[in-house]
């Protein structure tokens, strides 16, 4: 099993260093692994590398979980804010609708009052016109009588 890991490692190194010769790469890999004919040492080094990879994997997984938790918290906060803003919007729309209704009612009342005042004004103008003709008639009568 250790030998197959060493072969994979060597193949990887070969692809990385295609300009090197096979023997040179094999020698470099054996030196990196501390193999140099000692299979127990190579196994120990590979096991240690595997443990380091597991530790790195666990650390990355823990970091991923922290990020997921942070994202979930942020999403909850955003949803709460959206709901609060929707409530505020609904409240503002209700107030605007009520205000609009009051304005329309006031406008209708003002229009009715305006019509009444126009009728009063027309009636008064007619009365004024009638009284002016009556005053003119009396003046003529006084003027004729003198």
N, C-alpha and C. Protein backbone atom coordinates (compact mmCIF):
# COMPACT_ATOMS: atom_id res chain seq x y z
N UNK A 1 0.82 -1.20 0.00
CA UNK A 1 0.00 0.00 0.00
C UNK A 1 0.87 1.26 0.00
N UNK A 2 1.91 1.26 0.82
CA UNK A 2 2.80 2.42 0.86
C UNK A 2 3.49 2.59 -0.48
N UNK A 3 3.77 1.49 -1.10
CA UNK A 3 4.46 1.54 -2.38
C UNK A 3 3.57 2.21 -3.44
N UNK A 4 2.27 1.90 -3.43
CA UNK A 4 1.38 2.52 -4.40
C UNK A 4 1.25 4.03 -4.15
N UNK A 5 1.26 4.44 -2.89
CA UNK A 5 1.24 5.88 -2.58
C UNK A 5 2.50 6.55 -3.10
N UNK A 6 3.60 5.81 -2.94
CA UNK A 6 4.86 6.37 -3.41
C UNK A 6 4.83 6.50 -4.94
N UNK A 7 4.25 5.52 -5.61
CA UNK A 7 4.16 5.59 -7.08
C UNK A 7 3.30 6.78 -7.51
N UNK A 8 2.15 6.96 -6.81
CA UNK A 8 1.28 8.11 -7.14
C UNK A 8 2.01 9.42 -6.91
N UNK A 9 2.71 9.48 -5.81
CA UNK A 9 3.46 10.68 -5.49
C UNK A 9 4.52 10.93 -6.55
N UNK A 10 5.17 9.85 -6.98
CA UNK A 10 6.20 9.98 -8.00
C UNK A 10 5.59 10.41 -9.34
N UNK A 11 4.44 9.85 -9.68
CA UNK A 11 3.79 10.24 -10.93
C UNK A 11 3.43 11.72 -10.91
N UNK A 12 2.96 12.17 -9.76
CA UNK A 12 2.62 13.59 -9.61
C UNK A 12 3.85 14.45 -9.81
N UNK A 13 4.91 14.06 -9.19
CA UNK A 13 6.15 14.82 -9.31
C UNK A 13 6.65 14.78 -10.76
N UNK A 14 6.46 13.64 -11.42
CA UNK A 14 6.89 13.54 -12.82
C UNK A 14 6.12 14.51 -13.70
N UNK A 15 4.82 14.61 -13.46
CA UNK A 15 4.04 15.54 -14.28
C UNK A 15 4.41 16.98 -13.97
N UNK A 16 4.76 17.26 -12.70
CA UNK A 16 5.16 18.61 -12.33
C UNK A 16 6.51 18.97 -12.92
N UNK A 17 7.39 17.99 -12.99
CA UNK A 17 8.74 18.27 -13.46
C UNK A 17 9.02 17.40 -14.68
N UNK A 18 8.32 17.67 -15.74
CA UNK A 18 8.46 16.84 -16.93
C UNK A 18 9.85 16.94 -17.56
N UNK A 19 10.57 18.04 -17.32
CA UNK A 19 11.90 18.19 -17.91
C UNK A 19 12.95 17.33 -17.20
N UNK A 20 12.66 16.87 -15.96
CA UNK A 20 13.61 16.03 -15.22
C UNK A 20 13.53 14.60 -15.73
N UNK A 21 14.58 13.92 -15.56
CA UNK A 21 14.58 12.51 -15.96
C UNK A 21 13.87 11.68 -14.90
N UNK A 22 13.46 10.51 -15.28
CA UNK A 22 12.74 9.63 -14.37
C UNK A 22 13.59 9.28 -13.17
N UNK A 23 14.82 8.94 -13.38
CA UNK A 23 15.70 8.53 -12.29
C UNK A 23 15.94 9.68 -11.32
N UNK A 24 16.13 10.86 -11.87
CA UNK A 24 16.36 12.03 -11.02
C UNK A 24 15.12 12.31 -10.16
N UNK A 25 13.95 12.21 -10.77
CA UNK A 25 12.70 12.44 -10.04
C UNK A 25 12.48 11.37 -8.99
N UNK A 26 12.73 10.13 -9.34
CA UNK A 26 12.57 9.02 -8.39
C UNK A 26 13.47 9.24 -7.19
N UNK A 27 14.68 9.63 -7.44
CA UNK A 27 15.63 9.88 -6.37
C UNK A 27 15.17 11.04 -5.48
N UNK A 28 14.66 12.12 -6.12
CA UNK A 28 14.17 13.28 -5.36
C UNK A 28 12.97 12.92 -4.50
N UNK A 29 12.05 12.12 -5.05
CA UNK A 29 10.87 11.71 -4.30
C UNK A 29 11.27 10.85 -3.11
N UNK A 30 12.17 9.93 -3.34
CA UNK A 30 12.63 9.08 -2.25
C UNK A 30 13.28 9.90 -1.16
N UNK A 31 14.05 10.91 -1.54
CA UNK A 31 14.68 11.77 -0.53
C UNK A 31 13.64 12.59 0.22
N UNK A 32 12.64 13.11 -0.51
CA UNK A 32 11.57 13.91 0.13
C UNK A 32 10.81 13.07 1.14
N UNK A 33 10.54 11.84 0.76
CA UNK A 33 9.80 10.96 1.66
C UNK A 33 10.70 10.35 2.72
N UNK A 34 11.95 10.48 2.58
CA UNK A 34 12.87 9.86 3.52
C UNK A 34 12.89 8.36 3.34
N UNK A 35 12.54 7.90 2.15
CA UNK A 35 12.39 6.47 1.88
C UNK A 35 13.75 5.81 1.80
N UNK A 36 14.47 6.14 0.80
CA UNK A 36 15.81 5.63 0.57
C UNK A 36 15.99 4.21 1.07
N UNK A 37 15.05 3.34 0.73
CA UNK A 37 15.16 1.92 1.08
C UNK A 37 14.50 1.57 2.39
N UNK A 38 14.04 2.52 3.15
CA UNK A 38 13.42 2.23 4.45
C UNK A 38 11.91 2.39 4.31
N UNK A 39 11.24 1.28 4.13
CA UNK A 39 9.79 1.30 3.91
C UNK A 39 9.03 1.77 5.14
N UNK A 40 9.47 1.43 6.34
CA UNK A 40 8.80 1.86 7.57
C UNK A 40 8.84 3.38 7.69
N UNK A 41 9.95 3.96 7.35
CA UNK A 41 10.08 5.42 7.40
C UNK A 41 9.13 6.07 6.39
N UNK A 42 9.03 5.49 5.22
CA UNK A 42 8.13 6.02 4.19
C UNK A 42 6.68 5.92 4.65
N UNK A 43 6.31 4.81 5.26
CA UNK A 43 4.94 4.63 5.77
C UNK A 43 4.66 5.66 6.86
N UNK A 44 5.63 5.83 7.76
CA UNK A 44 5.45 6.80 8.84
C UNK A 44 5.26 8.20 8.26
N UNK A 45 6.05 8.56 7.26
CA UNK A 45 5.95 9.88 6.65
C UNK A 45 4.60 10.04 5.95
N UNK A 46 4.17 9.00 5.25
CA UNK A 46 2.87 9.07 4.56
C UNK A 46 1.72 9.13 5.56
N UNK A 47 1.82 8.37 6.66
CA UNK A 47 0.78 8.43 7.70
C UNK A 47 0.73 9.82 8.31
N UNK A 48 1.91 10.39 8.55
CA UNK A 48 1.97 11.75 9.12
C UNK A 48 1.35 12.75 8.14
N UNK A 49 1.66 12.60 6.86
CA UNK A 49 1.08 13.49 5.85
C UNK A 49 -0.43 13.32 5.81
N UNK A 50 -0.88 12.06 5.95
CA UNK A 50 -2.32 11.80 5.95
C UNK A 50 -2.98 12.45 7.16
N UNK A 51 -2.34 12.34 8.33
CA UNK A 51 -2.87 12.97 9.54
C UNK A 51 -2.94 14.49 9.37
N UNK A 52 -1.91 15.05 8.77
CA UNK A 52 -1.90 16.50 8.53
C UNK A 52 -3.03 16.89 7.59
N UNK A 53 -3.24 16.07 6.58
CA UNK A 53 -4.34 16.34 5.64
C UNK A 53 -5.69 16.24 6.35
N UNK A 54 -5.84 15.24 7.22
CA UNK A 54 -7.09 15.11 7.99
C UNK A 54 -7.28 16.32 8.91
N UNK A 55 -6.21 16.76 9.55
CA UNK A 55 -6.30 17.93 10.43
C UNK A 55 -6.66 19.17 9.62
N UNK A 56 -6.03 19.32 8.47
CA UNK A 56 -6.35 20.48 7.61
C UNK A 56 -7.78 20.40 7.14
N UNK A 57 -8.23 19.18 6.79
CA UNK A 57 -9.61 18.98 6.36
C UNK A 57 -10.58 19.34 7.48
N UNK A 58 -10.26 18.87 8.71
CA UNK A 58 -11.13 19.18 9.85
C UNK A 58 -11.16 20.68 10.12
N UNK A 59 -10.00 21.34 10.02
CA UNK A 59 -9.95 22.79 10.24
C UNK A 59 -10.76 23.52 9.19
N UNK A 60 -10.64 23.08 7.94
CA UNK A 60 -11.42 23.70 6.87
C UNK A 60 -12.91 23.46 7.05
N UNK A 61 -13.26 22.26 7.50
CA UNK A 61 -14.67 21.95 7.74
C UNK A 61 -15.22 22.82 8.87
N UNK A 62 -14.42 22.98 9.94
CA UNK A 62 -14.84 23.84 11.05
C UNK A 62 -15.02 25.28 10.57
N UNK A 63 -14.08 25.76 9.75
CA UNK A 63 -14.20 27.11 9.21
C UNK A 63 -15.43 27.24 8.31
N UNK A 64 -15.70 26.19 7.53
CA UNK A 64 -16.88 26.18 6.67
C UNK A 64 -18.15 26.25 7.51
N UNK A 65 -18.19 25.49 8.60
CA UNK A 65 -19.36 25.52 9.48
C UNK A 65 -19.55 26.89 10.11
N UNK A 66 -18.43 27.53 10.50
CA UNK A 66 -18.52 28.89 11.05
C UNK A 66 -19.08 29.85 10.01
N UNK A 67 -18.59 29.71 8.77
CA UNK A 67 -19.09 30.57 7.69
C UNK A 67 -20.56 30.31 7.42
N UNK A 68 -20.96 29.04 7.43
CA UNK A 68 -22.37 28.71 7.22
C UNK A 68 -23.23 29.32 8.32
N UNK A 69 -22.73 29.22 9.55
CA UNK A 69 -23.46 29.80 10.68
C UNK A 69 -23.58 31.31 10.54
N UNK A 70 -22.47 31.94 10.14
CA UNK A 70 -22.49 33.39 9.95
C UNK A 70 -23.44 33.78 8.83
N UNK A 71 -23.43 33.02 7.76
CA UNK A 71 -24.34 33.30 6.64
C UNK A 71 -25.79 33.11 7.07
N UNK A 72 -26.05 32.05 7.84
CA UNK A 72 -27.42 31.81 8.31
C UNK A 72 -27.87 32.94 9.22
N UNK A 73 -26.99 33.39 10.10
CA UNK A 73 -27.32 34.51 10.99
C UNK A 73 -27.60 35.77 10.18
N UNK A 74 -26.74 36.03 9.20
CA UNK A 74 -26.94 37.21 8.36
C UNK A 74 -28.25 37.11 7.58
N UNK A 75 -28.55 35.92 7.08
CA UNK A 75 -29.81 35.72 6.35
C UNK A 75 -31.00 35.95 7.27
N UNK A 76 -30.92 35.46 8.51
CA UNK A 76 -32.00 35.69 9.47
C UNK A 76 -32.18 37.17 9.74
N UNK A 77 -31.06 37.88 9.90
CA UNK A 77 -31.13 39.32 10.16
C UNK A 77 -31.74 40.05 8.96
N UNK A 78 -31.34 39.64 7.77
CA UNK A 78 -31.88 40.27 6.56
C UNK A 78 -33.38 40.01 6.45
N UNK A 79 -33.79 38.78 6.72
CA UNK A 79 -35.22 38.45 6.66
C UNK A 79 -36.00 39.26 7.70
N UNK A 80 -35.44 39.39 8.91
CA UNK A 80 -36.10 40.19 9.94
C UNK A 80 -36.23 41.65 9.49
N UNK A 81 -35.17 42.16 8.87
CA UNK A 81 -35.21 43.54 8.38
C UNK A 81 -36.24 43.68 7.27
N UNK A 82 -36.29 42.71 6.37
CA UNK A 82 -37.27 42.76 5.28
C UNK A 82 -38.68 42.76 5.85
N UNK A 83 -38.93 41.89 6.83
CA UNK A 83 -40.26 41.84 7.44
C UNK A 83 -40.60 43.15 8.14
N UNK A 84 -39.61 43.72 8.83
CA UNK A 84 -39.84 45.00 9.51
C UNK A 84 -40.15 46.09 8.49
N UNK A 85 -39.39 46.11 7.41
CA UNK A 85 -39.63 47.11 6.37
C UNK A 85 -40.99 46.92 5.69
N UNK A 86 -41.38 45.66 5.51
CA UNK A 86 -42.70 45.40 4.93
C UNK A 86 -43.80 45.88 5.86
N UNK A 87 -43.61 45.66 7.18
CA UNK A 87 -44.60 46.15 8.14
C UNK A 87 -44.66 47.68 8.12
N UNK A 88 -43.48 48.31 8.09
CA UNK A 88 -43.46 49.78 8.03
C UNK A 88 -44.12 50.28 6.75
N UNK A 89 -43.85 49.61 5.66
CA UNK A 89 -44.45 50.00 4.38
C UNK A 89 -45.97 49.89 4.45
N UNK A 90 -46.46 48.77 5.00
CA UNK A 90 -47.90 48.59 5.11
C UNK A 90 -48.52 49.67 6.00
N UNK A 91 -47.84 50.00 7.09
CA UNK A 91 -48.33 51.05 7.99
C UNK A 91 -48.36 52.40 7.28
N UNK A 92 -47.31 52.70 6.55
CA UNK A 92 -47.25 53.98 5.82
C UNK A 92 -48.33 54.03 4.75
N UNK A 93 -48.53 52.91 4.05
CA UNK A 93 -49.56 52.86 3.02
C UNK A 93 -50.94 53.06 3.63
N UNK A 94 -51.19 52.47 4.81
CA UNK A 94 -52.48 52.63 5.48
C UNK A 94 -52.69 54.09 5.87
N UNK A 95 -51.65 54.71 6.43
CA UNK A 95 -51.76 56.12 6.82
C UNK A 95 -51.98 57.00 5.58
N UNK A 96 -51.27 56.70 4.51
CA UNK A 96 -51.43 57.47 3.27
C UNK A 96 -52.85 57.32 2.73
N UNK A 97 -53.38 56.10 2.77
CA UNK A 97 -54.75 55.87 2.30
C UNK A 97 -55.74 56.65 3.15
N UNK A 98 -55.56 56.62 4.48
CA UNK A 98 -56.45 57.38 5.37
C UNK A 98 -56.33 58.88 5.10
N UNK A 99 -55.10 59.35 4.94
CA UNK A 99 -54.88 60.77 4.66
C UNK A 99 -55.53 61.15 3.33
N UNK A 100 -55.38 60.31 2.32
CA UNK A 100 -55.98 60.55 1.01
C UNK A 100 -57.50 60.63 1.14
N UNK A 101 -58.07 59.70 1.91
CA UNK A 101 -59.52 59.70 2.11
C UNK A 101 -59.98 60.99 2.80
N UNK A 102 -59.23 61.43 3.82
CA UNK A 102 -59.58 62.68 4.51
C UNK A 102 -59.48 63.86 3.55
N UNK A 103 -58.46 63.88 2.72
CA UNK A 103 -58.30 64.97 1.75
C UNK A 103 -59.47 64.98 0.77
N UNK A 104 -59.85 63.80 0.29
CA UNK A 104 -60.98 63.72 -0.65
C UNK A 104 -62.27 64.18 0.02
N UNK A 105 -62.48 63.77 1.28
CA UNK A 105 -63.68 64.21 2.00
C UNK A 105 -63.65 65.73 2.20
N UNK A 106 -62.49 66.27 2.59
CA UNK A 106 -62.37 67.71 2.80
C UNK A 106 -62.59 68.45 1.49
N UNK A 107 -62.04 67.89 0.41
CA UNK A 107 -62.21 68.51 -0.90
C UNK A 107 -63.68 68.52 -1.31
N UNK A 108 -64.38 67.44 -1.08
CA UNK A 108 -65.81 67.37 -1.41
C UNK A 108 -66.58 68.37 -0.55
N UNK A 109 -66.24 68.45 0.75
CA UNK A 109 -66.91 69.40 1.65
C UNK A 109 -66.64 70.83 1.17
N UNK A 110 -65.37 71.13 0.84
CA UNK A 110 -65.01 72.47 0.39
C UNK A 110 -65.74 72.83 -0.92
N UNK A 111 -65.84 71.86 -1.83
CA UNK A 111 -66.54 72.10 -3.09
C UNK A 111 -68.01 72.41 -2.82
N UNK A 112 -68.62 71.67 -1.91
CA UNK A 112 -70.03 71.91 -1.56
C UNK A 112 -70.19 73.29 -0.94
N UNK A 113 -69.27 73.64 -0.03
CA UNK A 113 -69.31 74.97 0.59
C UNK A 113 -69.14 76.07 -0.46
N UNK A 114 -68.24 75.83 -1.42
CA UNK A 114 -68.00 76.80 -2.47
C UNK A 114 -69.26 77.01 -3.30
N UNK A 115 -69.97 75.93 -3.62
CA UNK A 115 -71.22 76.05 -4.38
C UNK A 115 -72.26 76.84 -3.59
N UNK A 116 -72.35 76.57 -2.29
CA UNK A 116 -73.31 77.30 -1.45
C UNK A 116 -72.96 78.79 -1.43
N UNK A 117 -71.66 79.09 -1.26
CA UNK A 117 -71.24 80.49 -1.24
C UNK A 117 -71.48 81.18 -2.58
N UNK A 118 -71.29 80.45 -3.68
CA UNK A 118 -71.58 81.02 -5.00
C UNK A 118 -73.06 81.32 -5.13
N UNK A 119 -73.91 80.41 -4.64
CA UNK A 119 -75.36 80.66 -4.69
C UNK A 119 -75.73 81.88 -3.87
N UNK A 120 -75.12 82.00 -2.68
CA UNK A 120 -75.38 83.17 -1.83
C UNK A 120 -74.91 84.43 -2.54
N UNK A 121 -73.76 84.39 -3.16
CA UNK A 121 -73.22 85.54 -3.86
C UNK A 121 -74.14 85.94 -5.02
N UNK A 122 -74.60 84.98 -5.80
CA UNK A 122 -75.51 85.28 -6.92
C UNK A 122 -76.79 85.89 -6.38
N UNK A 123 -77.35 85.31 -5.29
CA UNK A 123 -78.57 85.85 -4.70
C UNK A 123 -78.36 87.28 -4.23
N UNK A 124 -77.21 87.54 -3.60
CA UNK A 124 -76.94 88.89 -3.10
C UNK A 124 -76.74 89.88 -4.26
N UNK A 125 -76.10 89.40 -5.30
CA UNK A 125 -75.92 90.28 -6.46
C UNK A 125 -77.29 90.62 -7.08
N UNK A 126 -78.17 89.63 -7.11
CA UNK A 126 -79.52 89.89 -7.64
C UNK A 126 -80.24 90.89 -6.74
N UNK A 127 -80.11 90.67 -5.41
CA UNK A 127 -80.75 91.60 -4.46
C UNK A 127 -80.16 93.01 -4.64
N UNK A 128 -78.84 93.09 -4.77
CA UNK A 128 -78.19 94.39 -4.95
C UNK A 128 -78.70 95.06 -6.22
N UNK A 129 -78.74 94.26 -7.29
CA UNK A 129 -79.22 94.80 -8.55
C UNK A 129 -80.68 95.29 -8.40
N UNK A 130 -81.52 94.48 -7.73
CA UNK A 130 -82.91 94.85 -7.51
C UNK A 130 -82.98 96.13 -6.68
N UNK A 131 -82.19 96.21 -5.59
CA UNK A 131 -82.20 97.39 -4.73
C UNK A 131 -81.67 98.62 -5.47
N UNK A 132 -80.65 98.45 -6.32
CA UNK A 132 -80.14 99.58 -7.10
C UNK A 132 -81.23 100.11 -8.04
N UNK A 133 -82.00 99.22 -8.67
CA UNK A 133 -83.09 99.66 -9.54
C UNK A 133 -84.18 100.36 -8.73
N UNK A 134 -84.42 99.82 -7.53
CA UNK A 134 -85.44 100.44 -6.68
C UNK A 134 -84.99 101.83 -6.24
N UNK A 135 -83.69 101.98 -5.87
CA UNK A 135 -83.16 103.29 -5.48
C UNK A 135 -83.25 104.23 -6.67
N UNK A 136 -82.92 103.75 -7.85
CA UNK A 136 -82.99 104.58 -9.04
C UNK A 136 -84.44 105.02 -9.30
N UNK A 137 -85.39 104.12 -9.08
CA UNK A 137 -86.80 104.47 -9.28
C UNK A 137 -87.23 105.53 -8.29
N UNK A 138 -86.80 105.41 -7.03
CA UNK A 138 -87.15 106.42 -6.04
C UNK A 138 -86.51 107.76 -6.36
N UNK A 139 -85.30 107.73 -6.85
CA UNK A 139 -84.64 108.99 -7.24
C UNK A 139 -85.40 109.67 -8.36
N UNK A 140 -85.86 108.88 -9.30
CA UNK A 140 -86.62 109.45 -10.40
C UNK A 140 -87.93 110.06 -9.87
N UNK A 141 -88.52 109.33 -8.93
CA UNK A 141 -89.78 109.85 -8.38
C UNK A 141 -89.52 111.15 -7.60
N UNK A 142 -88.44 111.22 -6.87
CA UNK A 142 -88.10 112.42 -6.11
C UNK A 142 -87.72 113.53 -7.10
N UNK A 143 -87.06 113.18 -8.07
CA UNK A 143 -86.61 114.15 -9.05
C UNK A 143 -87.81 114.67 -9.86
N UNK A 144 -88.73 113.85 -10.16
CA UNK A 144 -89.92 114.26 -10.87
C UNK A 144 -90.81 115.10 -9.95
N UNK A 145 -90.85 114.75 -8.69
CA UNK A 145 -91.68 115.47 -7.71
C UNK A 145 -91.11 116.83 -7.37
N UNK A 146 -89.95 117.10 -7.58
CA UNK A 146 -89.39 118.41 -7.26
C UNK A 146 -89.66 119.30 -8.38
